């Protein structure tokens, strides 16, 4: 109905500018469902100023003009001479249709276009005017499941649960963990150079600030040992530091299994003082700390202290072990 009013107003204004009397235009009006025959409506036209001396039609404010309707369903079209005319147009907008808000008592919403002197015709709308539901993003769903703020940098990291890390480091000739952990600058480094890579996957979170990761990796010690090695471990990671929005930081500690094909001298001992208890498979304890920029959470720098030991004789009576200090680049997939 709104298109009818705009087309009618355009036709009247065009004929006024061309200086010719405006004949009645035949247009199509969609009838209400309850009234099968055509109806006659009266449309109010706003005041239109005279644009030329020969203007014949100059309606006064609130002037009513009759509009004759044709048979329902007939197409509405402007006259051919109006369509081809190049006279500049200056039309006054008619009143906007009144919108009836969606009510819970009615199955669908409706839009009513009232005409002067006639009741409005209700046109059903396919969708309700209110109640639209927007789909949530993956970050919002993950944040809700894990109790995090959607803007938290940890949400972006958890959206990339898989990661690949490339390692390089140096092995120590000392095997006592407490000495190297408390005074690493006094250790004798450089017996072997370690090269390796690992694949990790985030399993989930515990109380928002703790994450659980699974990792499997392998590498090679080149130098005195010249041996391949491999490991698998589970990491418990804490990343609830308050400065994470400026520099994402996490600290993790692991428990797992480590295998080496050829044992380093720190585990086998010397010819004069050989170790009585040896094992290719030992416990893998590797505390690490990681850093990442919040703008690029997919890239991390990790520093890991990999300790292989018998856990006080638990593995074949082994008490000693070997240690490797490594630095790695982690890329989240």
C-alpha atoms as a PDB file:
ATOM      1  CA  UNK A   1       0.000   0.000   0.000  1.00  0.00           C
ATOM      2  CA  UNK A   2       2.900   2.291   0.596  1.00  0.00           C
ATOM      3  CA  UNK A   3       4.023   1.823  -3.015  1.00  0.00           C
ATOM      4  CA  UNK A   4       0.552   2.823  -4.223  1.00  0.00           C
ATOM      5  CA  UNK A   5       0.650   6.117  -2.344  1.00  0.00           C
ATOM      6  CA  UNK A   6       4.124   6.973  -3.579  1.00  0.00           C
ATOM      7  CA  UNK A   7       3.270   6.163  -7.231  1.00  0.00           C
ATOM      8  CA  UNK A   8       0.051   8.207  -7.053  1.00  0.00           C
ATOM      9  CA  UNK A   9       1.823  11.223  -5.550  1.00  0.00           C
ATOM     10  CA  UNK A  10       4.537  10.988  -8.219  1.00  0.00           C
ATOM     11  CA  UNK A  11       1.984  10.944 -11.053  1.00  0.00           C
ATOM     12  CA  UNK A  12       0.107  13.971  -9.690  1.00  0.00           C
ATOM     13  CA  UNK A  13       3.259  16.014  -9.197  1.00  0.00           C
ATOM     14  CA  UNK A  14       4.549  15.186 -12.687  1.00  0.00           C
ATOM     15  CA  UNK A  15       1.371  16.317 -14.372  1.00  0.00           C
ATOM     16  CA  UNK A  16       1.440  19.522 -12.295  1.00  0.00           C
ATOM     17  CA  UNK A  17       4.964  20.352 -13.445  1.00  0.00           C
ATOM     18  CA  UNK A  18       4.178  19.716 -17.083  1.00  0.00           C
ATOM     19  CA  UNK A  19       1.265  22.192 -16.954  1.00  0.00           C
ATOM     20  CA  UNK A  20      -1.396  19.678 -17.921  1.00  0.00           C
ATOM     21  CA  UNK A  21      -4.446  18.696 -15.965  1.00  0.00           C
ATOM     22  CA  UNK A  22      -3.925  15.436 -14.169  1.00  0.00           C
ATOM     23  CA  UNK A  23      -6.413  12.852 -15.356  1.00  0.00           C
ATOM     24  CA  UNK A  24      -7.535  10.165 -12.953  1.00  0.00           C
ATOM     25  CA  UNK A  25      -5.017   7.353 -12.827  1.00  0.00           C
ATOM     26  CA  UNK A  26      -6.008   3.753 -12.726  1.00  0.00           C
ATOM     27  CA  UNK A  27      -3.935   1.776 -10.284  1.00  0.00           C
ATOM     28  CA  UNK A  28      -4.208  -1.536  -8.492  1.00  0.00           C
ATOM     29  CA  UNK A  29      -5.022  -1.746  -4.790  1.00  0.00           C
ATOM     30  CA  UNK A  30      -4.706  -5.049  -2.968  1.00  0.00           C
ATOM     31  CA  UNK A  31      -8.027  -5.712  -1.318  1.00  0.00           C
ATOM     32  CA  UNK A  32      -8.455  -6.974   2.220  1.00  0.00           C
ATOM     33  CA  UNK A  33      -9.024 -10.712   2.540  1.00  0.00           C
ATOM     34  CA  UNK A  34     -12.613 -10.187   3.735  1.00  0.00           C
ATOM     35  CA  UNK A  35     -13.659  -7.842   0.843  1.00  0.00           C
ATOM     36  CA  UNK A  36     -13.524  -9.530  -2.586  1.00  0.00           C
ATOM     37  CA  UNK A  37     -14.701  -6.544  -4.638  1.00  0.00           C
ATOM     38  CA  UNK A  38     -12.605  -3.439  -5.369  1.00  0.00           C
ATOM     39  CA  UNK A  39     -12.684  -0.497  -2.971  1.00  0.00           C
ATOM     40  CA  UNK A  40     -12.437   3.234  -3.448  1.00  0.00           C
ATOM     41  CA  UNK A  41      -9.988   5.028  -1.149  1.00  0.00           C
ATOM     42  CA  UNK A  42      -9.340   8.713  -0.549  1.00  0.00           C
ATOM     43  CA  UNK A  43      -5.690   9.732  -0.131  1.00  0.00           C
ATOM     44  CA  UNK A  44      -4.564  12.945   1.516  1.00  0.00           C
ATOM     45  CA  UNK A  45      -1.838  14.755  -0.380  1.00  0.00           C
ATOM     46  CA  UNK A  46       0.518  17.138   1.419  1.00  0.00           C
ATOM     47  CA  UNK A  47       0.836  20.705   0.221  1.00  0.00           C
ATOM     48  CA  UNK A  48       2.944  20.922  -2.960  1.00  0.00           C
ATOM     49  CA  UNK A  49       4.328  24.371  -3.955  1.00  0.00           C
ATOM     50  CA  UNK A  50       3.852  25.636  -7.475  1.00  0.00           C
ATOM     51  CA  UNK A  51       7.030  25.213  -9.484  1.00  0.00           C
ATOM     52  CA  UNK A  52       5.891  26.849 -12.780  1.00  0.00           C
ATOM     53  CA  UNK A  53       3.426  29.582 -13.842  1.00  0.00           C
ATOM     54  CA  UNK A  54       1.460  27.109 -15.988  1.00  0.00           C
ATOM     55  CA  UNK A  55       0.897  24.775 -13.085  1.00  0.00           C
ATOM     56  CA  UNK A  56      -2.772  23.916 -13.043  1.00  0.00           C
ATOM     57  CA  UNK A  57      -2.888  21.553 -10.067  1.00  0.00           C
ATOM     58  CA  UNK A  58      -1.946  23.327  -6.799  1.00  0.00           C
ATOM     59  CA  UNK A  59      -3.640  21.404  -4.006  1.00  0.00           C
ATOM     60  CA  UNK A  60      -4.215  23.195  -0.741  1.00  0.00           C
ATOM     61  CA  UNK A  61      -3.191  21.616   2.562  1.00  0.00           C
ATOM     62  CA  UNK A  62      -5.179  18.522   3.472  1.00  0.00           C
ATOM     63  CA  UNK A  63      -6.927  18.508   0.035  1.00  0.00           C
ATOM     64  CA  UNK A  64      -8.518  15.146  -0.722  1.00  0.00           C
ATOM     65  CA  UNK A  65      -8.271  13.647  -4.211  1.00  0.00           C
ATOM     66  CA  UNK A  66     -10.277  10.633  -5.407  1.00  0.00           C
ATOM     67  CA  UNK A  67      -8.409   7.612  -6.674  1.00  0.00           C
ATOM     68  CA  UNK A  68     -10.346   5.131  -8.752  1.00  0.00           C
ATOM     69  CA  UNK A  69      -9.337   1.550  -8.285  1.00  0.00           C
ATOM     70  CA  UNK A  70      -9.268  -1.113 -10.924  1.00  0.00           C
ATOM     71  CA  UNK A  71      -9.974  -4.781 -10.681  1.00  0.00           C
ATOM     72  CA  UNK A  72      -7.969  -6.535  -7.923  1.00  0.00           C
ATOM     73  CA  UNK A  73      -4.768  -8.051  -9.226  1.00  0.00           C
ATOM     74  CA  UNK A  74      -4.366  -5.730 -12.230  1.00  0.00           C
ATOM     75  CA  UNK A  75      -0.802  -4.410 -12.599  1.00  0.00           C
ATOM     76  CA  UNK A  76      -0.187  -0.760 -11.730  1.00  0.00           C
ATOM     77  CA  UNK A  77       1.917   1.337 -14.108  1.00  0.00           C
ATOM     78  CA  UNK A  78       2.688   4.989 -14.782  1.00  0.00           C
ATOM     79  CA  UNK A  79       1.686   6.518 -18.128  1.00  0.00           C
ATOM     80  CA  UNK A  80       4.257   6.158 -20.871  1.00  0.00           C
ATOM     81  CA  UNK A  81       4.671   9.935 -21.330  1.00  0.00           C
ATOM     82  CA  UNK A  82       5.373  10.326 -17.617  1.00  0.00           C
ATOM     83  CA  UNK A  83       8.013   7.620 -17.708  1.00  0.00           C
ATOM     84  CA  UNK A  84       9.764   9.245 -20.701  1.00  0.00           C
ATOM     85  CA  UNK A  85       9.554  12.778 -19.297  1.00  0.00           C
ATOM     86  CA  UNK A  86      12.814  14.439 -18.239  1.00  0.00           C
ATOM     87  CA  UNK A  87      11.225  17.222 -16.195  1.00  0.00           C
ATOM     88  CA  UNK A  88      12.989  17.544 -12.794  1.00  0.00           C
ATOM     89  CA  UNK A  89      10.903  16.150  -9.966  1.00  0.00           C
ATOM     90  CA  UNK A  90      10.315  17.668  -6.548  1.00  0.00           C
ATOM     91  CA  UNK A  91       7.919  15.632  -4.524  1.00  0.00           C
ATOM     92  CA  UNK A  92       6.716  15.832  -0.959  1.00  0.00           C
ATOM     93  CA  UNK A  93       6.901  12.593   1.040  1.00  0.00           C
ATOM     94  CA  UNK A  94       3.634  11.249   2.318  1.00  0.00           C
ATOM     95  CA  UNK A  95       3.073  10.082   5.852  1.00  0.00           C
ATOM     96  CA  UNK A  96       4.885   6.873   6.782  1.00  0.00           C
ATOM     97  CA  UNK A  97       2.691   3.828   7.412  1.00  0.00           C
ATOM     98  CA  UNK A  98       1.816   3.106  10.982  1.00  0.00           C
ATOM     99  CA  UNK A  99       3.316  -0.139  12.291  1.00  0.00           C
ATOM    100  CA  UNK A 100       1.298  -2.259  14.634  1.00  0.00           C
ATOM    101  CA  UNK A 101       3.714  -3.875  17.138  1.00  0.00           C
ATOM    102  CA  UNK A 102       3.834  -7.630  17.414  1.00  0.00           C
ATOM    103  CA  UNK A 103       1.535  -8.962  20.092  1.00  0.00           C
ATOM    104  CA  UNK A 104       1.926 -12.275  21.851  1.00  0.00           C
ATOM    105  CA  UNK A 105      -1.818 -12.859  21.462  1.00  0.00           C
ATOM    106  CA  UNK A 106      -1.645 -12.891  17.662  1.00  0.00           C
ATOM    107  CA  UNK A 107       0.230 -15.580  15.707  1.00  0.00           C
ATOM    108  CA  UNK A 108       1.976 -13.121  13.392  1.00  0.00           C
ATOM    109  CA  UNK A 109       2.651  -9.407  13.283  1.00  0.00           C
ATOM    110  CA  UNK A 110       0.963  -7.054  10.826  1.00  0.00           C
ATOM    111  CA  UNK A 111       1.556  -3.701   9.181  1.00  0.00           C
ATOM    112  CA  UNK A 112      -1.425  -1.358   8.764  1.00  0.00           C
ATOM    113  CA  UNK A 113      -1.385   1.332   6.073  1.00  0.00           C
ATOM    114  CA  UNK A 114      -4.296   3.701   6.883  1.00  0.00           C
ATOM    115  CA  UNK A 115      -5.847   5.873   4.161  1.00  0.00           C
ATOM    116  CA  UNK A 116      -7.960   8.950   4.853  1.00  0.00           C
ATOM    117  CA  UNK A 117     -11.578   7.989   5.249  1.00  0.00           C
ATOM    118  CA  UNK A 118     -11.012   4.223   4.996  1.00  0.00           C
ATOM    119  CA  UNK A 119     -10.022   1.598   7.549  1.00  0.00           C
ATOM    120  CA  UNK A 120      -6.501   0.285   7.411  1.00  0.00           C
ATOM    121  CA  UNK A 121      -5.804  -2.966   5.594  1.00  0.00           C
ATOM    122  CA  UNK A 122      -3.877  -5.480   7.650  1.00  0.00           C
ATOM    123  CA  UNK A 123      -1.171  -7.284   5.697  1.00  0.00           C
ATOM    124  CA  UNK A 124       0.287 -10.382   7.444  1.00  0.00           C
ATOM    125  CA  UNK A 125       4.033 -10.541   7.846  1.00  0.00           C
ATOM    126  CA  UNK A 126       5.916 -13.796   7.400  1.00  0.00           C
ATOM    127  CA  UNK A 127       8.151 -13.274  10.455  1.00  0.00           C
ATOM    128  CA  UNK A 128       7.329 -11.606  13.785  1.00  0.00           C
ATOM    129  CA  UNK A 129       8.560  -8.055  14.127  1.00  0.00           C
ATOM    130  CA  UNK A 130      10.407  -8.854  17.370  1.00  0.00           C
ATOM    131  CA  UNK A 131      12.190 -11.765  19.007  1.00  0.00           C
ATOM    132  CA  UNK A 132      15.030 -12.291  16.501  1.00  0.00           C
ATOM    133  CA  UNK A 133      17.887 -14.410  17.915  1.00  0.00           C
ATOM    134  CA  UNK A 134      21.436 -13.759  16.671  1.00  0.00           C
ATOM    135  CA  UNK A 135      23.866 -16.716  16.523  1.00  0.00           C
ATOM    136  CA  UNK A 136      26.711 -16.635  19.043  1.00  0.00           C
ATOM    137  CA  UNK A 137      30.336 -16.845  18.043  1.00  0.00           C
ATOM    138  CA  UNK A 138      32.604 -19.780  18.879  1.00  0.00           C
ATOM    139  CA  UNK A 139      34.510 -17.585  21.338  1.00  0.00           C
ATOM    140  CA  UNK A 140      31.325 -16.729  23.259  1.00  0.00           C
ATOM    141  CA  UNK A 141      30.261 -20.364  23.462  1.00  0.00           C
ATOM    142  CA  UNK A 142      33.711 -21.492  24.621  1.00  0.00           C
ATOM    143  CA  UNK A 143      33.913 -18.668  27.175  1.00  0.00           C
ATOM    144  CA  UNK A 144      30.552 -19.675  28.648  1.00  0.00           C
ATOM    145  CA  UNK A 145      31.541 -23.343  28.916  1.00  0.00           C
ATOM    146  CA  UNK A 146      34.803 -22.552  30.664  1.00  0.00           C
ATOM    147  CA  UNK A 147      33.642 -19.609  32.758  1.00  0.00           C
ATOM    148  CA  UNK A 148      35.848 -17.016  31.045  1.00  0.00           C
ATOM    149  CA  UNK A 149      35.249 -13.525  29.725  1.00  0.00           C
ATOM    150  CA  UNK A 150      34.816 -13.617  25.914  1.00  0.00           C
ATOM    151  CA  UNK A 151      37.502 -10.902  25.636  1.00  0.00           C
ATOM    152  CA  UNK A 152      40.034 -12.894  27.691  1.00  0.00           C
ATOM    153  CA  UNK A 153      43.166 -13.761  25.703  1.00  0.00           C
ATOM    154  CA  UNK A 154      42.909 -17.315  27.034  1.00  0.00           C
ATOM    155  CA  UNK A 155      39.715 -17.817  25.031  1.00  0.00           C
ATOM    156  CA  UNK A 156      41.607 -17.130  21.799  1.00  0.00           C
ATOM    157  CA  UNK A 157      44.321 -19.575  22.867  1.00  0.00           C
ATOM    158  CA  UNK A 158      41.809 -22.284  23.782  1.00  0.00           C
ATOM    159  CA  UNK A 159      40.172 -21.869  20.383  1.00  0.00           C
ATOM    160  CA  UNK A 160      43.459 -23.250  18.991  1.00  0.00           C
ATOM    161  CA  UNK A 161      43.868 -26.402  21.114  1.00  0.00           C
ATOM    162  CA  UNK A 162      46.510 -28.013  18.908  1.00  0.00           C
ATOM    163  CA  UNK A 163      50.090 -26.741  18.803  1.00  0.00           C
ATOM    164  CA  UNK A 164      53.493 -27.654  17.365  1.00  0.00           C
ATOM    165  CA  UNK A 165      56.717 -26.644  19.136  1.00  0.00           C
ATOM    166  CA  UNK A 166      60.294 -26.690  17.838  1.00  0.00           C
ATOM    167  CA  UNK A 167      63.062 -27.050  20.453  1.00  0.00           C
ATOM    168  CA  UNK A 168      66.776 -26.451  20.719  1.00  0.00           C
ATOM    169  CA  UNK A 169      68.856 -26.720  23.872  1.00  0.00           C
ATOM    170  CA  UNK A 170      71.925 -27.869  25.735  1.00  0.00           C
ATOM    171  CA  UNK A 171      72.447 -30.895  27.985  1.00  0.00           C
ATOM    172  CA  UNK A 172      74.333 -30.769  31.290  1.00  0.00           C
ATOM    173  CA  UNK A 173      76.902 -33.162  32.627  1.00  0.00           C
ATOM    174  CA  UNK A 174      75.361 -32.848  36.072  1.00  0.00           C
ATOM    175  CA  UNK A 175      72.517 -35.141  37.017  1.00  0.00           C
ATOM    176  CA  UNK A 176      71.284 -33.777  40.332  1.00  0.00           C
ATOM    177  CA  UNK A 177      68.068 -31.809  39.770  1.00  0.00           C
ATOM    178  CA  UNK A 178      68.175 -29.672  42.911  1.00  0.00           C
ATOM    179  CA  UNK A 179      71.658 -28.345  42.122  1.00  0.00           C
ATOM    180  CA  UNK A 180      70.809 -27.321  38.553  1.00  0.00           C
ATOM    181  CA  UNK A 181      67.385 -25.955  39.496  1.00  0.00           C
ATOM    182  CA  UNK A 182      68.747 -23.690  42.216  1.00  0.00           C
ATOM    183  CA  UNK A 183      72.065 -22.734  40.561  1.00  0.00           C
ATOM    184  CA  UNK A 184      71.857 -23.330  36.780  1.00  0.00           C
ATOM    185  CA  UNK A 185      74.743 -20.908  36.158  1.00  0.00           C
ATOM    186  CA  UNK A 186      77.074 -23.249  38.027  1.00  0.00           C
ATOM    187  CA  UNK A 187      76.165 -26.314  35.964  1.00  0.00           C
ATOM    188  CA  UNK A 188      78.472 -27.831  33.367  1.00  0.00           C
ATOM    189  CA  UNK A 189      76.532 -27.334  30.122  1.00  0.00           C
ATOM    190  CA  UNK A 190      77.462 -28.312  26.611  1.00  0.00           C
ATOM    191  CA  UNK A 191      77.940 -32.064  26.674  1.00  0.00           C
ATOM    192  CA  UNK A 192      75.163 -32.472  24.056  1.00  0.00           C
ATOM    193  CA  UNK A 193      73.108 -30.189  21.842  1.00  0.00           C
ATOM    194  CA  UNK A 194      69.458 -31.135  21.691  1.00  0.00           C
ATOM    195  CA  UNK A 195      67.146 -30.672  18.692  1.00  0.00           C
ATOM    196  CA  UNK A 196      63.511 -31.712  18.838  1.00  0.00           C
ATOM    197  CA  UNK A 197      59.854 -31.072  18.127  1.00  0.00           C
ATOM    198  CA  UNK A 198      56.614 -31.847  19.912  1.00  0.00           C
ATOM    199  CA  UNK A 199      52.872 -31.864  19.300  1.00  0.00           C
ATOM    200  CA  UNK A 200      50.498 -30.852  22.077  1.00  0.00           C
ATOM    201  CA  UNK A 201      46.722 -30.654  22.463  1.00  0.00           C
ATOM    202  CA  UNK A 202      44.678 -28.858  25.100  1.00  0.00           C
ATOM    203  CA  UNK A 203      42.319 -31.232  26.887  1.00  0.00           C
ATOM    204  CA  UNK A 204      40.403 -28.701  28.964  1.00  0.00           C
ATOM    205  CA  UNK A 205      40.430 -26.378  31.968  1.00  0.00           C
ATOM    206  CA  UNK A 206      40.123 -26.717  35.731  1.00  0.00           C
ATOM    207  CA  UNK A 207      38.709 -23.735  37.665  1.00  0.00           C
ATOM    208  CA  UNK A 208      39.334 -21.332  34.760  1.00  0.00           C
ATOM    209  CA  UNK A 209      43.017 -20.613  35.601  1.00  0.00           C
ATOM    210  CA  UNK A 210      44.384 -24.148  35.107  1.00  0.00           C
ATOM    211  CA  UNK A 211      44.654 -25.897  31.755  1.00  0.00           C
ATOM    212  CA  UNK A 212      45.515 -29.525  31.019  1.00  0.00           C
ATOM    213  CA  UNK A 213      47.632 -30.323  27.938  1.00  0.00           C
ATOM    214  CA  UNK A 214      48.771 -33.598  26.422  1.00  0.00           C
ATOM    215  CA  UNK A 215      52.091 -33.727  24.559  1.00  0.00           C
ATOM    216  CA  UNK A 216      54.122 -36.176  22.525  1.00  0.00           C
ATOM    217  CA  UNK A 217      57.568 -35.344  21.165  1.00  0.00           C
ATOM    218  CA  UNK A 218      60.927 -36.527  19.992  1.00  0.00           C
ATOM    219  CA  UNK A 219      64.428 -35.291  19.301  1.00  0.00           C
ATOM    220  CA  UNK A 220      68.105 -36.046  19.006  1.00  0.00           C
ATOM    221  CA  UNK A 221      71.085 -35.368  21.272  1.00  0.00           C
ATOM    222  CA  UNK A 222      74.155 -34.579  19.227  1.00  0.00           C
ATOM    223  CA  UNK A 223      77.643 -34.450  20.730  1.00  0.00           C
ATOM    224  CA  UNK A 224      78.867 -36.984  23.243  1.00  0.00           C
ATOM    225  CA  UNK A 225      75.692 -39.087  23.354  1.00  0.00           C
ATOM    226  CA  UNK A 226      74.428 -39.060  19.740  1.00  0.00           C
ATOM    227  CA  UNK A 227      71.108 -40.715  20.494  1.00  0.00           C
ATOM    228  CA  UNK A 228      67.453 -40.299  19.542  1.00  0.00           C
ATOM    229  CA  UNK A 229      64.886 -39.829  22.266  1.00  0.00           C
ATOM    230  CA  UNK A 230      61.114 -39.513  22.654  1.00  0.00           C
ATOM    231  CA  UNK A 231      58.602 -38.656  25.339  1.00  0.00           C
ATOM    232  CA  UNK A 232      54.930 -38.365  26.158  1.00  0.00           C
ATOM    233  CA  UNK A 233      53.562 -36.321  29.037  1.00  0.00           C
ATOM    234  CA  UNK A 234      50.574 -34.525  30.548  1.00  0.00           C
ATOM    235  CA  UNK A 235      51.004 -30.901  31.622  1.00  0.00           C
ATOM    236  CA  UNK A 236      49.143 -28.931  34.257  1.00  0.00           C
ATOM    237  CA  UNK A 237      49.364 -25.265  33.257  1.00  0.00           C
ATOM    238  CA  UNK A 238      48.527 -22.104  35.202  1.00  0.00           C
ATOM    239  CA  UNK A 239      47.802 -18.965  33.172  1.00  0.00           C
ATOM    240  CA  UNK A 240      45.752 -16.804  35.545  1.00  0.00           C
ATOM    241  CA  UNK A 241      48.386 -14.082  35.913  1.00  0.00           C
ATOM    242  CA  UNK A 242      46.842 -10.616  36.137  1.00  0.00           C
ATOM    243  CA  UNK A 243      49.145  -9.115  33.507  1.00  0.00           C
ATOM    244  CA  UNK A 244      48.025 -11.600  30.827  1.00  0.00           C
ATOM    245  CA  UNK A 245      46.258  -8.861  28.825  1.00  0.00           C
ATOM    246  CA  UNK A 246      49.631  -7.116  28.400  1.00  0.00           C
ATOM    247  CA  UNK A 247      51.851 -10.222  28.196  1.00  0.00           C
ATOM    248  CA  UNK A 248      50.281 -13.648  28.249  1.00  0.00           C
ATOM    249  CA  UNK A 249      52.292 -15.833  30.644  1.00  0.00           C
ATOM    250  CA  UNK A 250      51.843 -19.444  31.692  1.00  0.00           C
ATOM    251  CA  UNK A 251      53.715 -21.853  33.931  1.00  0.00           C
ATOM    252  CA  UNK A 252      53.392 -25.624  33.512  1.00  0.00           C
ATOM    253  CA  UNK A 253      54.759 -28.795  35.042  1.00  0.00           C
ATOM    254  CA  UNK A 254      54.546 -32.291  33.612  1.00  0.00           C
ATOM    255  CA  UNK A 255      54.562 -35.949  34.420  1.00  0.00           C
ATOM    256  CA  UNK A 256      55.279 -38.562  31.779  1.00  0.00           C
ATOM    257  CA  UNK A 257      57.598 -41.146  30.278  1.00  0.00           C
ATOM    258  CA  UNK A 258      60.924 -40.534  28.497  1.00  0.00           C
ATOM    259  CA  UNK A 259      62.900 -42.961  26.343  1.00  0.00           C
ATOM    260  CA  UNK A 260      66.492 -42.829  25.051  1.00  0.00           C
ATOM    261  CA  UNK A 261      68.224 -45.359  22.858  1.00  0.00           C
ATOM    262  CA  UNK A 262      71.744 -44.611  24.140  1.00  0.00           C
ATOM    263  CA  UNK A 263      72.209 -43.279  27.632  1.00  0.00           C
ATOM    264  CA  UNK A 264      74.405 -40.248  28.357  1.00  0.00           C
ATOM    265  CA  UNK A 265      77.486 -40.605  30.517  1.00  0.00           C
ATOM    266  CA  UNK A 266      75.800 -38.853  33.438  1.00  0.00           C
ATOM    267  CA  UNK A 267      73.425 -41.862  33.647  1.00  0.00           C
ATOM    268  CA  UNK A 268      75.879 -44.660  32.841  1.00  0.00           C
ATOM    269  CA  UNK A 269      78.811 -43.379  34.848  1.00  0.00           C
ATOM    270  CA  UNK A 270      82.466 -43.717  33.904  1.00  0.00           C
ATOM    271  CA  UNK A 271      84.560 -46.785  33.344  1.00  0.00           C
ATOM    272  CA  UNK A 272      86.078 -46.385  36.792  1.00  0.00           C
ATOM    273  CA  UNK A 273      82.761 -45.658  38.481  1.00  0.00           C
ATOM    274  CA  UNK A 274      79.907 -47.141  36.447  1.00  0.00           C
ATOM    275  CA  UNK A 275      76.310 -46.784  37.548  1.00  0.00           C
ATOM    276  CA  UNK A 276      74.834 -50.056  38.725  1.00  0.00           C
ATOM    277  CA  UNK A 277      71.224 -49.186  37.843  1.00  0.00           C
ATOM    278  CA  UNK A 278      70.405 -47.986  34.358  1.00  0.00           C
ATOM    279  CA  UNK A 279      67.226 -47.732  32.288  1.00  0.00           C
ATOM    280  CA  UNK A 280      66.310 -46.468  28.835  1.00  0.00           C
ATOM    281  CA  UNK A 281      62.833 -45.547  30.066  1.00  0.00           C
ATOM    282  CA  UNK A 282      62.626 -43.038  32.924  1.00  0.00           C
ATOM    283  CA  UNK A 283      60.210 -40.483  34.306  1.00  0.00           C
ATOM    284  CA  UNK A 284      59.877 -37.175  32.416  1.00  0.00           C
ATOM    285  CA  UNK A 285      59.558 -34.008  34.502  1.00  0.00           C
ATOM    286  CA  UNK A 286      59.749 -30.787  32.479  1.00  0.00           C
ATOM    287  CA  UNK A 287      58.637 -27.510  34.076  1.00  0.00           C
ATOM    288  CA  UNK A 288      58.289 -24.689  31.544  1.00  0.00           C
ATOM    289  CA  UNK A 289      57.269 -21.055  31.264  1.00  0.00           C
ATOM    290  CA  UNK A 290      55.752 -19.489  28.149  1.00  0.00           C
ATOM    291  CA  UNK A 291      55.157 -15.954  26.856  1.00  0.00           C
ATOM    292  CA  UNK A 292      52.944 -14.564  24.087  1.00  0.00           C
ATOM    293  CA  UNK A 293      51.657 -11.194  22.939  1.00  0.00           C
ATOM    294  CA  UNK A 294      47.873 -10.836  23.410  1.00  0.00           C
ATOM    295  CA  UNK A 295      47.647  -9.525  19.819  1.00  0.00           C
ATOM    296  CA  UNK A 296      49.258 -12.769  18.556  1.00  0.00           C
ATOM    297  CA  UNK A 297      48.227 -15.550  20.964  1.00  0.00           C
ATOM    298  CA  UNK A 298      48.940 -18.160  18.298  1.00  0.00           C
ATOM    299  CA  UNK A 299      52.715 -17.646  18.713  1.00  0.00           C
ATOM    300  CA  UNK A 300      54.463 -18.472  21.995  1.00  0.00           C
ATOM    301  CA  UNK A 301      58.022 -18.614  23.247  1.00  0.00           C
ATOM    302  CA  UNK A 302      58.663 -21.428  25.736  1.00  0.00           C
ATOM    303  CA  UNK A 303      61.598 -22.101  28.057  1.00  0.00           C
ATOM    304  CA  UNK A 304      61.698 -25.674  29.344  1.00  0.00           C
ATOM    305  CA  UNK A 305      63.843 -27.529  31.820  1.00  0.00           C
ATOM    306  CA  UNK A 306      63.605 -31.206  30.779  1.00  0.00           C
ATOM    307  CA  UNK A 307      64.601 -33.602  33.556  1.00  0.00           C
ATOM    308  CA  UNK A 308      64.816 -37.340  33.034  1.00  0.00           C
ATOM    309  CA  UNK A 309      65.155 -39.386  36.238  1.00  0.00           C
ATOM    310  CA  UNK A 310      64.293 -42.609  38.049  1.00  0.00           C
ATOM    311  CA  UNK A 311      62.159 -40.896  40.756  1.00  0.00           C
ATOM    312  CA  UNK A 312      64.173 -42.134  43.745  1.00  0.00           C
ATOM    313  CA  UNK A 313      64.682 -45.624  42.401  1.00  0.00           C
ATOM    314  CA  UNK A 314      61.142 -46.184  41.086  1.00  0.00           C
ATOM    315  CA  UNK A 315      62.420 -47.015  37.579  1.00  0.00           C
ATOM    316  CA  UNK A 316      64.760 -50.008  37.839  1.00  0.00           C
ATOM    317  CA  UNK A 317      66.423 -48.590  40.918  1.00  0.00           C
ATOM    318  CA  UNK A 318      67.759 -45.501  39.094  1.00  0.00           C
ATOM    319  CA  UNK A 319      68.415 -42.450  41.267  1.00  0.00           C
ATOM    320  CA  UNK A 320      70.351 -40.289  38.859  1.00  0.00           C
ATOM    321  CA  UNK A 321      69.163 -38.692  35.592  1.00  0.00           C
ATOM    322  CA  UNK A 322      69.989 -36.191  32.894  1.00  0.00           C
ATOM    323  CA  UNK A 323      68.940 -32.590  32.298  1.00  0.00           C
ATOM    324  CA  UNK A 324      68.414 -30.440  29.209  1.00  0.00           C
ATOM    325  CA  UNK A 325      67.663 -26.720  29.141  1.00  0.00           C
ATOM    326  CA  UNK A 326      65.730 -25.839  25.974  1.00  0.00           C
ATOM    327  CA  UNK A 327      64.006 -22.893  24.335  1.00  0.00           C
ATOM    328  CA  UNK A 328      61.204 -23.371  21.832  1.00  0.00           C
ATOM    329  CA  UNK A 329      58.829 -21.660  19.465  1.00  0.00           C
ATOM    330  CA  UNK A 330      55.234 -22.856  19.751  1.00  0.00           C
ATOM    331  CA  UNK A 331      52.729 -22.317  16.973  1.00  0.00           C
ATOM    332  CA  UNK A 332      49.064 -22.897  17.717  1.00  0.00           C
ATOM    333  CA  UNK A 333      47.121 -24.405  14.850  1.00  0.00           C
END
